[in-house]
PDB file of N, CA and C in Angstrom:
ATOM      1  N   MET A   1     103.005 104.993 102.816  1.00  0.00           N
ATOM      2  CA  MET A   1     104.046 104.242 103.488  1.00  0.00           C
ATOM      3  C   MET A   1     104.357 102.988 102.670  1.00  0.00           C
ATOM      4  N   LEU A   2     105.638 102.691 102.535  1.00  0.00           N
ATOM      5  CA  LEU A   2     106.045 101.543 101.743  1.00  0.00           C
ATOM      6  C   LEU A   2     105.886 100.248 102.530  1.00  0.00           C
ATOM      7  N   PRO A   3     105.511  99.182 101.841  1.00  0.00           N
ATOM      8  CA  PRO A   3     105.437  97.883 102.521  1.00  0.00           C
ATOM      9  C   PRO A   3     106.827  97.413 102.930  1.00  0.00           C
ATOM     10  N   PRO A   4     106.901  96.567 103.962  1.00  0.00           N
ATOM     11  CA  PRO A   4     108.223  96.109 104.445  1.00  0.00           C
ATOM     12  C   PRO A   4     109.059  95.435 103.377  1.00  0.00           C
ATOM     13  N   SER A   5     108.425  94.758 102.419  1.00  0.00           N
ATOM     14  CA  SER A   5     109.205  94.065 101.385  1.00  0.00           C
ATOM     15  C   SER A   5     109.987  95.047 100.521  1.00  0.00           C
ATOM     16  N   VAL A   6     109.418  96.235 100.257  1.00  0.00           N
ATOM     17  CA  VAL A   6     110.109  97.236  99.445  1.00  0.00           C
ATOM     18  C   VAL A   6     111.227  97.894 100.249  1.00  0.00           C
ATOM     19  N   LYS A   7     110.994  98.151 101.522  1.00  0.00           N
ATOM     20  CA  LYS A   7     111.998  98.784 102.368  1.00  0.00           C
ATOM     21  C   LYS A   7     113.234  97.911 102.550  1.00  0.00           C
ATOM     22  N   SER A   8     113.097  96.622 102.384  1.00  0.00           N
ATOM     23  CA  SER A   8     114.225  95.727 102.627  1.00  0.00           C
ATOM     24  C   SER A   8     115.021  95.407 101.364  1.00  0.00           C
ATOM     25  N   LEU A   9     114.708  96.025 100.242  1.00  0.00           N
ATOM     26  CA  LEU A   9     115.454  95.736  99.009  1.00  0.00           C
ATOM     27  C   LEU A   9     116.885  96.236  99.078  1.00  0.00           C
ATOM     28  N   LYS A  10     117.088  97.428  99.595  1.00  0.00           N
ATOM     29  CA  LYS A  10     118.444  97.989  99.646  1.00  0.00           C
ATOM     30  C   LYS A  10     119.370  97.144 100.520  1.00  0.00           C
ATOM     31  N   PRO A  11     118.971  96.777 101.738  1.00  0.00           N
ATOM     32  CA  PRO A  11     119.855  95.902 102.525  1.00  0.00           C
ATOM     33  C   PRO A  11     120.039  94.515 101.891  1.00  0.00           C
ATOM     34  N   ARG A  12     119.005  94.033 101.227  1.00  0.00           N
ATOM     35  CA  ARG A  12     119.100  92.707 100.600  1.00  0.00           C
ATOM     36  C   ARG A  12     120.127  92.708  99.480  1.00  0.00           C
ATOM     37  N   PHE A  13     120.155  93.781  98.660  1.00  0.00           N
ATOM     38  CA  PHE A  13     121.124  93.857  97.576  1.00  0.00           C
ATOM     39  C   PHE A  13     122.472  94.391  98.043  1.00  0.00           C
ATOM     40  N   GLY A  14     122.505  95.049  99.199  1.00  0.00           N
ATOM     41  CA  GLY A  14     123.752  95.478  99.804  1.00  0.00           C
ATOM     42  C   GLY A  14     124.428  96.659  99.142  1.00  0.00           C
ATOM     43  N   TYR A  15     123.681  97.567  98.549  1.00  0.00           N
ATOM     44  CA  TYR A  15     124.331  98.736  97.970  1.00  0.00           C
ATOM     45  C   TYR A  15     124.174  99.938  98.899  1.00  0.00           C
ATOM     46  N   ASP A  16     125.151 100.837  98.807  1.00  0.00           N
ATOM     47  CA  ASP A  16     125.224 101.992  99.690  1.00  0.00           C
ATOM     48  C   ASP A  16     124.617 103.194  98.974  1.00  0.00           C
ATOM     49  N   ASP A  17     123.403 103.563  99.331  1.00  0.00           N
ATOM     50  CA  ASP A  17     122.707 104.680  98.700  1.00  0.00           C
ATOM     51  C   ASP A  17     121.962 105.441  99.787  1.00  0.00           C
ATOM     52  N   VAL A  18     122.708 106.283 100.501  1.00  0.00           N
ATOM     53  CA  VAL A  18     122.163 106.977 101.664  1.00  0.00           C
ATOM     54  C   VAL A  18     120.972 107.847 101.296  1.00  0.00           C
ATOM     55  N   LEU A  19     121.027 108.520 100.164  1.00  0.00           N
ATOM     56  CA  LEU A  19     119.964 109.438  99.771  1.00  0.00           C
ATOM     57  C   LEU A  19     118.894 108.775  98.909  1.00  0.00           C
ATOM     58  N   ASP A  20     118.966 107.471  98.728  1.00  0.00           N
ATOM     59  CA  ASP A  20     118.009 106.722  97.909  1.00  0.00           C
ATOM     60  C   ASP A  20     117.874 107.290  96.493  1.00  0.00           C
ATOM     61  N   VAL A  21     118.996 107.655  95.909  1.00  0.00           N
ATOM     62  CA  VAL A  21     118.989 108.219  94.562  1.00  0.00           C
ATOM     63  C   VAL A  21     118.452 107.203  93.559  1.00  0.00           C
ATOM     64  N   PHE A  22     118.967 105.973  93.618  1.00  0.00           N
ATOM     65  CA  PHE A  22     118.473 104.959  92.683  1.00  0.00           C
ATOM     66  C   PHE A  22     117.019 104.603  92.982  1.00  0.00           C
ATOM     67  N   GLY A  23     116.688 104.463  94.237  1.00  0.00           N
ATOM     68  CA  GLY A  23     115.323 104.096  94.616  1.00  0.00           C
ATOM     69  C   GLY A  23     114.290 105.124  94.194  1.00  0.00           C
ATOM     70  N   ILE A  24     114.646 106.383  94.252  1.00  0.00           N
ATOM     71  CA  ILE A  24     113.705 107.438  93.887  1.00  0.00           C
ATOM     72  C   ILE A  24     113.808 107.759  92.395  1.00  0.00           C
ATOM     73  N   HIS A  25     114.955 108.253  91.964  1.00  0.00           N
ATOM     74  CA  HIS A  25     115.093 108.704  90.578  1.00  0.00           C
ATOM     75  C   HIS A  25     115.139 107.556  89.584  1.00  0.00           C
ATOM     76  N   GLY A  26     115.869 106.497  89.914  1.00  0.00           N
ATOM     77  CA  GLY A  26     115.993 105.377  88.982  1.00  0.00           C
ATOM     78  C   GLY A  26     114.682 104.637  88.778  1.00  0.00           C
ATOM     79  N   ILE A  27     114.103 104.164  89.862  1.00  0.00           N
ATOM     80  CA  ILE A  27     112.866 103.379  89.755  1.00  0.00           C
ATOM     81  C   ILE A  27     111.709 104.237  89.262  1.00  0.00           C
ATOM     82  N   CYS A  28     111.568 105.448  89.813  1.00  0.00           N
ATOM     83  CA  CYS A  28     110.468 106.313  89.370  1.00  0.00           C
ATOM     84  C   CYS A  28     110.635 106.736  87.915  1.00  0.00           C
ATOM     85  N   GLY A  29     111.875 106.908  87.468  1.00  0.00           N
ATOM     86  CA  GLY A  29     112.111 107.229  86.063  1.00  0.00           C
ATOM     87  C   GLY A  29     111.709 106.097  85.145  1.00  0.00           C
ATOM     88  N   VAL A  30     112.007 104.870  85.542  1.00  0.00           N
ATOM     89  CA  VAL A  30     111.614 103.700  84.745  1.00  0.00           C
ATOM     90  C   VAL A  30     110.091 103.578  84.701  1.00  0.00           C
ATOM     91  N   VAL A  31     109.451 103.715  85.845  1.00  0.00           N
ATOM     92  CA  VAL A  31     107.986 103.615  85.897  1.00  0.00           C
ATOM     93  C   VAL A  31     107.346 104.719  85.056  1.00  0.00           C
ATOM     94  N   GLY A  32     107.888 105.934  85.134  1.00  0.00           N
ATOM     95  CA  GLY A  32     107.356 107.041  84.333  1.00  0.00           C
ATOM     96  C   GLY A  32     107.544 106.830  82.840  1.00  0.00           C
ATOM     97  N   ALA A  33     108.697 106.313  82.451  1.00  0.00           N
ATOM     98  CA  ALA A  33     108.952 106.071  81.027  1.00  0.00           C
ATOM     99  C   ALA A  33     108.038 104.977  80.484  1.00  0.00           C
ATOM    100  N   ILE A  34     107.824 103.935  81.279  1.00  0.00           N
ATOM    101  CA  ILE A  34     106.890 102.877  80.852  1.00  0.00           C
ATOM    102  C   ILE A  34     105.473 103.437  80.789  1.00  0.00           C
ATOM    103  N   GLY A  35     105.129 104.253  81.772  1.00  0.00           N
ATOM    104  CA  GLY A  35     103.801 104.881  81.769  1.00  0.00           C
ATOM    105  C   GLY A  35     103.586 105.738  80.540  1.00  0.00           C
ATOM    106  N   ALA A  36     104.619 106.449  80.105  1.00  0.00           N
ATOM    107  CA  ALA A  36     104.508 107.251  78.882  1.00  0.00           C
ATOM    108  C   ALA A  36     104.286 106.355  77.667  1.00  0.00           C
ATOM    109  N   GLY A  37     104.929 105.203  77.637  1.00  0.00           N
ATOM    110  CA  GLY A  37     104.719 104.264  76.532  1.00  0.00           C
ATOM    111  C   GLY A  37     103.334 103.661  76.530  1.00  0.00           C
ATOM    112  N   LEU A  38     102.721 103.601  77.697  1.00  0.00           N
ATOM    113  CA  LEU A  38     101.359 103.047  77.794  1.00  0.00           C
ATOM    114  C   LEU A  38     100.285 104.098  77.569  1.00  0.00           C
ATOM    115  N   PHE A  39     100.442 105.267  78.196  1.00  0.00           N
ATOM    116  CA  PHE A  39      99.357 106.242  78.251  1.00  0.00           C
ATOM    117  C   PHE A  39      99.555 107.482  77.396  1.00  0.00           C
ATOM    118  N   ALA A  40     100.628 107.566  76.608  1.00  0.00           N
ATOM    119  CA  ALA A  40     100.864 108.749  75.784  1.00  0.00           C
ATOM    120  C   ALA A  40      99.694 108.977  74.841  1.00  0.00           C
ATOM    121  N   THR A  41      99.322 110.224  74.659  1.00  0.00           N
ATOM    122  CA  THR A  41      98.203 110.555  73.783  1.00  0.00           C
ATOM    123  C   THR A  41      98.551 111.763  72.921  1.00  0.00           C
ATOM    124  N   SER A  42      98.063 111.780  71.711  1.00  0.00           N
ATOM    125  CA  SER A  42      98.344 112.895  70.807  1.00  0.00           C
ATOM    126  C   SER A  42      97.618 114.160  71.246  1.00  0.00           C
ATOM    127  N   THR A  43      96.674 114.059  72.182  1.00  0.00           N
ATOM    128  CA  THR A  43      96.010 115.244  72.718  1.00  0.00           C
ATOM    129  C   THR A  43      97.012 116.108  73.478  1.00  0.00           C
ATOM    130  N   ILE A  44      97.925 115.482  74.185  1.00  0.00           N
ATOM    131  CA  ILE A  44      98.950 116.206  74.938  1.00  0.00           C
ATOM    132  C   ILE A  44     100.113 116.595  74.035  1.00  0.00           C
ATOM    133  N   ASN A  45     100.558 115.673  73.191  1.00  0.00           N
ATOM    134  CA  ASN A  45     101.690 115.917  72.304  1.00  0.00           C
ATOM    135  C   ASN A  45     101.272 115.504  70.896  1.00  0.00           C
ATOM    136  N   GLY A  46     100.982 116.457  70.068  1.00  0.00           N
ATOM    137  CA  GLY A  46     100.472 116.187  68.731  1.00  0.00           C
ATOM    138  C   GLY A  46     101.467 115.569  67.777  1.00  0.00           C
ATOM    139  N   THR A  47     102.741 115.503  68.158  1.00  0.00           N
ATOM    140  CA  THR A  47     103.758 114.951  67.255  1.00  0.00           C
ATOM    141  C   THR A  47     103.892 113.442  67.359  1.00  0.00           C
ATOM    142  N   ILE A  48     103.173 112.811  68.308  1.00  0.00           N
ATOM    143  CA  ILE A  48     103.238 111.358  68.443  1.00  0.00           C
ATOM    144  C   ILE A  48     101.876 110.745  68.148  1.00  0.00           C
ATOM    145  N   ALA A  49     101.885 109.463  67.856  1.00  0.00           N
ATOM    146  CA  ALA A  49     100.642 108.763  67.534  1.00  0.00           C
ATOM    147  C   ALA A  49      99.940 108.236  68.781  1.00  0.00           C
ATOM    148  N   GLY A  50     100.552 108.349  69.923  1.00  0.00           N
ATOM    149  CA  GLY A  50      99.967 107.842  71.161  1.00  0.00           C
ATOM    150  C   GLY A  50     100.757 106.659  71.688  1.00  0.00           C
ATOM    151  N   GLY A  51     100.293 106.144  72.819  1.00  0.00           N
ATOM    152  CA  GLY A  51     100.947 104.997  73.434  1.00  0.00           C
ATOM    153  C   GLY A  51     100.188 103.716  73.152  1.00  0.00           C
ATOM    154  N   LEU A  52     100.530 102.672  73.878  1.00  0.00           N
ATOM    155  CA  LEU A  52      99.925 101.355  73.685  1.00  0.00           C
ATOM    156  C   LEU A  52      98.400 101.399  73.803  1.00  0.00           C
ATOM    157  N   PHE A  53      97.892 102.096  74.800  1.00  0.00           N
ATOM    158  CA  PHE A  53      96.447 102.140  75.024  1.00  0.00           C
ATOM    159  C   PHE A  53      95.709 103.064  74.058  1.00  0.00           C
ATOM    160  N   PHE A  54      96.465 103.795  73.238  1.00  0.00           N
ATOM    161  CA  PHE A  54      95.846 104.692  72.261  1.00  0.00           C
ATOM    162  C   PHE A  54      96.228 104.310  70.835  1.00  0.00           C
ATOM    163  N   GLY A  55      96.503 103.023  70.622  1.00  0.00           N
ATOM    164  CA  GLY A  55      96.683 102.488  69.284  1.00  0.00           C
ATOM    165  C   GLY A  55      98.088 102.493  68.725  1.00  0.00           C
ATOM    166  N   ASN A  56      99.097 102.727  69.528  1.00  0.00           N
ATOM    167  CA  ASN A  56     100.470 102.757  69.025  1.00  0.00           C
ATOM    168  C   ASN A  56     101.364 101.900  69.922  1.00  0.00           C
ATOM    169  N   PRO A  57     101.350 100.575  69.741  1.00  0.00           N
ATOM    170  CA  PRO A  57     102.165  99.708  70.594  1.00  0.00           C
ATOM    171  C   PRO A  57     103.668  99.915  70.416  1.00  0.00           C
ATOM    172  N   SER A  58     104.097 100.477  69.284  1.00  0.00           N
ATOM    173  CA  SER A  58     105.534 100.680  69.080  1.00  0.00           C
ATOM    174  C   SER A  58     106.106 101.718  70.040  1.00  0.00           C
ATOM    175  N   GLN A  59     105.267 102.608  70.565  1.00  0.00           N
ATOM    176  CA  GLN A  59     105.773 103.616  71.506  1.00  0.00           C
ATOM    177  C   GLN A  59     106.283 102.967  72.786  1.00  0.00           C
ATOM    178  N   LEU A  60     105.658 101.887  73.222  1.00  0.00           N
ATOM    179  CA  LEU A  60     106.142 101.181  74.403  1.00  0.00           C
ATOM    180  C   LEU A  60     107.524 100.591  74.132  1.00  0.00           C
ATOM    181  N   GLY A  61     107.728 100.068  72.938  1.00  0.00           N
ATOM    182  CA  GLY A  61     109.048  99.548  72.564  1.00  0.00           C
ATOM    183  C   GLY A  61     110.103 100.642  72.546  1.00  0.00           C
ATOM    184  N   VAL A  62     109.742 101.815  72.048  1.00  0.00           N
ATOM    185  CA  VAL A  62     110.665 102.956  72.041  1.00  0.00           C
ATOM    186  C   VAL A  62     111.042 103.327  73.474  1.00  0.00           C
ATOM    187  N   GLN A  63     110.064 103.349  74.365  1.00  0.00           N
ATOM    188  CA  GLN A  63     110.321 103.703  75.760  1.00  0.00           C
ATOM    189  C   GLN A  63     111.210 102.661  76.437  1.00  0.00           C
ATOM    190  N   LEU A  64     110.952 101.374  76.180  1.00  0.00           N
ATOM    191  CA  LEU A  64     111.768 100.316  76.776  1.00  0.00           C
ATOM    192  C   LEU A  64     113.202 100.368  76.257  1.00  0.00           C
ATOM    193  N   LEU A  65     113.374 100.659  74.970  1.00  0.00           N
ATOM    194  CA  LEU A  65     114.715 100.819  74.408  1.00  0.00           C
ATOM    195  C   LEU A  65     115.431 102.000  75.059  1.00  0.00           C
ATOM    196  N   ALA A  66     114.722 103.099  75.246  1.00  0.00           N
ATOM    197  CA  ALA A  66     115.316 104.279  75.886  1.00  0.00           C
ATOM    198  C   ALA A  66     115.737 103.956  77.316  1.00  0.00           C
ATOM    199  N   ILE A  67     114.927 103.204  78.045  1.00  0.00           N
ATOM    200  CA  ILE A  67     115.275 102.805  79.411  1.00  0.00           C
ATOM    201  C   ILE A  67     116.555 101.979  79.409  1.00  0.00           C
ATOM    202  N   ALA A  68     116.668 101.041  78.482  1.00  0.00           N
ATOM    203  CA  ALA A  68     117.853 100.181  78.408  1.00  0.00           C
ATOM    204  C   ALA A  68     119.102 100.990  78.050  1.00  0.00           C
ATOM    205  N   VAL A  69     118.987 101.899  77.084  1.00  0.00           N
ATOM    206  CA  VAL A  69     120.139 102.695  76.654  1.00  0.00           C
ATOM    207  C   VAL A  69     120.592 103.627  77.780  1.00  0.00           C
ATOM    208  N   VAL A  70     119.653 104.325  78.404  1.00  0.00           N
ATOM    209  CA  VAL A  70     120.007 105.243  79.486  1.00  0.00           C
ATOM    210  C   VAL A  70     120.562 104.461  80.681  1.00  0.00           C
ATOM    211  N   GLY A  71     120.003 103.305  80.980  1.00  0.00           N
ATOM    212  CA  GLY A  71     120.508 102.485  82.077  1.00  0.00           C
ATOM    213  C   GLY A  71     121.926 102.016  81.833  1.00  0.00           C
ATOM    214  N   ALA A  72     122.206 101.544  80.616  1.00  0.00           N
ATOM    215  CA  ALA A  72     123.558 101.083  80.282  1.00  0.00           C
ATOM    216  C   ALA A  72     124.554 102.234  80.317  1.00  0.00           C
ATOM    217  N   TYR A  73     124.182 103.369  79.746  1.00  0.00           N
ATOM    218  CA  TYR A  73     125.053 104.547  79.753  1.00  0.00           C
ATOM    219  C   TYR A  73     125.344 104.994  81.183  1.00  0.00           C
ATOM    220  N   SER A  74     124.311 105.065  82.001  1.00  0.00           N
ATOM    221  CA  SER A  74     124.474 105.495  83.395  1.00  0.00           C
ATOM    222  C   SER A  74     125.370 104.537  84.163  1.00  0.00           C
ATOM    223  N   LEU A  75     125.195 103.250  83.949  1.00  0.00           N
ATOM    224  CA  LEU A  75     126.017 102.258  84.633  1.00  0.00           C
ATOM    225  C   LEU A  75     127.490 102.397  84.235  1.00  0.00           C
ATOM    226  N   VAL A  76     127.753 102.468  82.942  1.00  0.00           N
ATOM    227  CA  VAL A  76     129.138 102.559  82.466  1.00  0.00           C
ATOM    228  C   VAL A  76     129.791 103.853  82.952  1.00  0.00           C
ATOM    229  N   MET A  77     129.102 104.970  82.828  1.00  0.00           N
ATOM    230  CA  MET A  77     129.672 106.247  83.257  1.00  0.00           C
ATOM    231  C   MET A  77     129.891 106.287  84.762  1.00  0.00           C
ATOM    232  N   THR A  78     128.975 105.726  85.539  1.00  0.00           N
ATOM    233  CA  THR A  78     129.132 105.683  86.990  1.00  0.00           C
ATOM    234  C   THR A  78     130.346 104.853  87.377  1.00  0.00           C
ATOM    235  N   LEU A  79     130.542 103.718  86.715  1.00  0.00           N
ATOM    236  CA  LEU A  79     131.718 102.887  86.994  1.00  0.00           C
ATOM    237  C   LEU A  79     133.016 103.612  86.639  1.00  0.00           C
ATOM    238  N   ILE A  80     133.036 104.307  85.510  1.00  0.00           N
ATOM    239  CA  ILE A  80     134.234 105.048  85.107  1.00  0.00           C
ATOM    240  C   ILE A  80     134.529 106.170  86.102  1.00  0.00           C
ATOM    241  N   ILE A  81     133.519 106.960  86.431  1.00  0.00           N
ATOM    242  CA  ILE A  81     133.705 108.071  87.369  1.00  0.00           C
ATOM    243  C   ILE A  81     134.118 107.541  88.739  1.00  0.00           C
ATOM    244  N   GLY A  82     133.486 106.457  89.176  1.00  0.00           N
ATOM    245  CA  GLY A  82     133.832 105.861  90.463  1.00  0.00           C
ATOM    246  C   GLY A  82     135.270 105.384  90.506  1.00  0.00           C
ATOM    247  N   LYS A  83     135.747 104.757  89.433  1.00  0.00           N
ATOM    248  CA  LYS A  83     137.132 104.285  89.372  1.00  0.00           C
ATOM    249  C   LYS A  83     138.111 105.456  89.413  1.00  0.00           C
ATOM    250  N   VAL A  84     137.815 106.524  88.667  1.00  0.00           N
ATOM    251  CA  VAL A  84     138.694 107.689  88.655  1.00  0.00           C
ATOM    252  C   VAL A  84     138.758 108.312  90.049  1.00  0.00           C
ATOM    253  N   ILE A  85     137.621 108.466  90.692  1.00  0.00           N
ATOM    254  CA  ILE A  85     137.606 109.038  92.039  1.00  0.00           C
ATOM    255  C   ILE A  85     138.334 108.127  93.015  1.00  0.00           C
ATOM    256  N   ASP A  86     138.116 106.823  92.913  1.00  0.00           N
ATOM    257  CA  ASP A  86     138.765 105.874  93.821  1.00  0.00           C
ATOM    258  C   ASP A  86     140.284 105.923  93.676  1.00  0.00           C
ATOM    259  N   LYS A  87     140.769 106.070  92.451  1.00  0.00           N
ATOM    260  CA  LYS A  87     142.220 106.103  92.213  1.00  0.00           C
ATOM    261  C   LYS A  87     142.843 107.439  92.612  1.00  0.00           C
ATOM    262  N   THR A  88     142.067 108.521  92.601  1.00  0.00           N
ATOM    263  CA  THR A  88     142.635 109.834  92.907  1.00  0.00           C
ATOM    264  C   THR A  88     142.473 110.194  94.384  1.00  0.00           C
ATOM    265  N   ILE A  89     141.249 110.355  94.847  1.00  0.00           N
ATOM    266  CA  ILE A  89     141.038 110.794  96.235  1.00  0.00           C
ATOM    267  C   ILE A  89     140.407 109.726  97.112  1.00  0.00           C
ATOM    268  N   GLY A  90     139.941 108.642  96.520  1.00  0.00           N
ATOM    269  CA  GLY A  90     139.327 107.558  97.283  1.00  0.00           C
ATOM    270  C   GLY A  90     137.822 107.746  97.445  1.00  0.00           C
ATOM    271  N   LEU A  91     137.135 106.632  97.505  1.00  0.00           N
ATOM    272  CA  LEU A  91     135.674 106.668  97.636  1.00  0.00           C
ATOM    273  C   LEU A  91     135.202 106.658  99.085  1.00  0.00           C
ATOM    274  N   ARG A  92     135.996 106.119  99.976  1.00  0.00           N
ATOM    275  CA  ARG A  92     135.583 105.978 101.370  1.00  0.00           C
ATOM    276  C   ARG A  92     136.475 106.807 102.277  1.00  0.00           C
ATOM    277  N   VAL A  93     135.924 107.217 103.396  1.00  0.00           N
ATOM    278  CA  VAL A  93     136.713 107.894 104.423  1.00  0.00           C
ATOM    279  C   VAL A  93     137.223 106.847 105.406  1.00  0.00           C
ATOM    280  N   ASP A  94     138.146 107.253 106.261  1.00  0.00           N
ATOM    281  CA  ASP A  94     138.626 106.343 107.297  1.00  0.00           C
ATOM    282  C   ASP A  94     137.464 105.944 108.198  1.00  0.00           C
ATOM    283  N   GLU A  95     137.510 104.724 108.688  1.00  0.00           N
ATOM    284  CA  GLU A  95     136.432 104.232 109.556  1.00  0.00           C
ATOM    285  C   GLU A  95     136.319 105.070 110.831  1.00  0.00           C
ATOM    286  N   ASP A  96     137.458 105.524 111.355  1.00  0.00           N
ATOM    287  CA  ASP A  96     137.425 106.368 112.553  1.00  0.00           C
ATOM    288  C   ASP A  96     136.679 107.673 112.291  1.00  0.00           C
ATOM    289  N   HIS A  97     136.940 108.294 111.146  1.00  0.00           N
ATOM    290  CA  HIS A  97     136.243 109.535 110.797  1.00  0.00           C
ATOM    291  C   HIS A  97     134.755 109.295 110.609  1.00  0.00           C
ATOM    292  N   GLU A  98     134.422 108.170 109.998  1.00  0.00           N
ATOM    293  CA  GLU A  98     133.008 107.862 109.770  1.00  0.00           C
ATOM    294  C   GLU A  98     132.268 107.654 111.087  1.00  0.00           C
ATOM    295  N   ILE A  99     132.900 106.979 112.025  1.00  0.00           N
ATOM    296  CA  ILE A  99     132.270 106.723 113.322  1.00  0.00           C
ATOM    297  C   ILE A  99     132.133 108.025 114.110  1.00  0.00           C
ATOM    298  N   GLU A 100     133.193 108.830 114.121  1.00  0.00           N
ATOM    299  CA  GLU A 100     133.169 110.086 114.874  1.00  0.00           C
ATOM    300  C   GLU A 100     132.228 111.106 114.239  1.00  0.00           C
ATOM    301  N   GLY A 101     132.118 111.069 112.935  1.00  0.00           N
ATOM    302  CA  GLY A 101     131.226 111.983 112.219  1.00  0.00           C
ATOM    303  C   GLY A 101     131.989 112.792 111.198  1.00  0.00           C
ATOM    304  N   LEU A 102     131.458 112.879 109.997  1.00  0.00           N
ATOM    305  CA  LEU A 102     132.137 113.589 108.920  1.00  0.00           C
ATOM    306  C   LEU A 102     132.075 115.095 109.103  1.00  0.00           C
ATOM    307  N   ASP A 103     131.017 115.599 109.740  1.00  0.00           N
ATOM    308  CA  ASP A 103     130.899 117.043 109.941  1.00  0.00           C
ATOM    309  C   ASP A 103     132.073 117.584 110.743  1.00  0.00           C
ATOM    310  N   ILE A 104     132.379 116.935 111.836  1.00  0.00           N
ATOM    311  CA  ILE A 104     133.433 117.424 112.725  1.00  0.00           C
ATOM    312  C   ILE A 104     134.817 117.207 112.121  1.00  0.00           C
ATOM    313  N   ASN A 105     134.992 116.138 111.356  1.00  0.00           N
ATOM    314  CA  ASN A 105     136.303 115.820 110.798  1.00  0.00           C
ATOM    315  C   ASN A 105     136.635 116.615 109.534  1.00  0.00           C
ATOM    316  N   PHE A 106     135.670 116.868 108.706  1.00  0.00           N
ATOM    317  CA  PHE A 106     135.948 117.533 107.436  1.00  0.00           C
ATOM    318  C   PHE A 106     135.536 118.999 107.407  1.00  0.00           C
ATOM    319  N   HIS A 107     134.557 119.368 108.220  1.00  0.00           N
ATOM    320  CA  HIS A 107     134.058 120.740 108.200  1.00  0.00           C
ATOM    321  C   HIS A 107     134.346 121.477 109.496  1.00  0.00           C
ATOM    322  N   GLU A 108     134.881 120.757 110.483  1.00  0.00           N
ATOM    323  CA  GLU A 108     135.218 121.300 111.779  1.00  0.00           C
ATOM    324  C   GLU A 108     134.037 121.980 112.456  1.00  0.00           C
ATOM    325  N   GLU A 109     132.870 121.412 112.288  1.00  0.00           N
ATOM    326  CA  GLU A 109     131.687 121.876 112.994  1.00  0.00           C
ATOM    327  C   GLU A 109     130.717 120.719 113.142  1.00  0.00           C
ATOM    328  N   ALA A 110     129.858 120.813 114.139  1.00  0.00           N
ATOM    329  CA  ALA A 110     128.891 119.751 114.404  1.00  0.00           C
ATOM    330  C   ALA A 110     127.606 120.049 113.643  1.00  0.00           C
ATOM    331  N   GLY A 111     127.151 119.064 112.901  1.00  0.00           N
ATOM    332  CA  GLY A 111     125.904 119.229 112.170  1.00  0.00           C
ATOM    333  C   GLY A 111     124.689 119.103 113.066  1.00  0.00           C
ATOM    334  N   TYR A 112     124.810 118.312 114.120  1.00  0.00           N
ATOM    335  CA  TYR A 112     123.714 118.069 115.032  1.00  0.00           C
ATOM    336  C   TYR A 112     124.216 118.165 116.460  1.00  0.00           C
ATOM    337  N   ARG A 113     123.437 118.716 117.327  1.00  0.00           N
ATOM    338  CA  ARG A 113     123.790 118.790 118.747  1.00  0.00           C
ATOM    339  C   ARG A 113     123.016 117.693 119.462  1.00  0.00           C
ATOM    340  N   LEU A 114     123.696 116.581 119.713  1.00  0.00           N
ATOM    341  CA  LEU A 114     123.040 115.448 120.374  1.00  0.00           C
ATOM    342  C   LEU A 114     123.448 115.352 121.820  1.00  0.00           C
TER     343      LEU A 114
END
């Protein structure tokens, strides 16, 4: 179970991520990439010299650079795709449809029987 301080990050920053895509894939991907820079070993992958804890501190730098490049690329592409969608079909639905429920308005069926 996550501590309350972690659960309150999304409302504090005010971003809309219903499926926690950034919280799960983004943060866990960064932690995993840093972990690879720290704990990589030539026993698992013979083509590398290892990570920071196995005598190759440059691998951590490579991992941090990769995180920065992938983060910048993802941000720019997301903004471009978001702008194109917003200009063509729109990013948000009408507030009335959102309150009534998207299942009934767009799919003409109820997702949940409440």
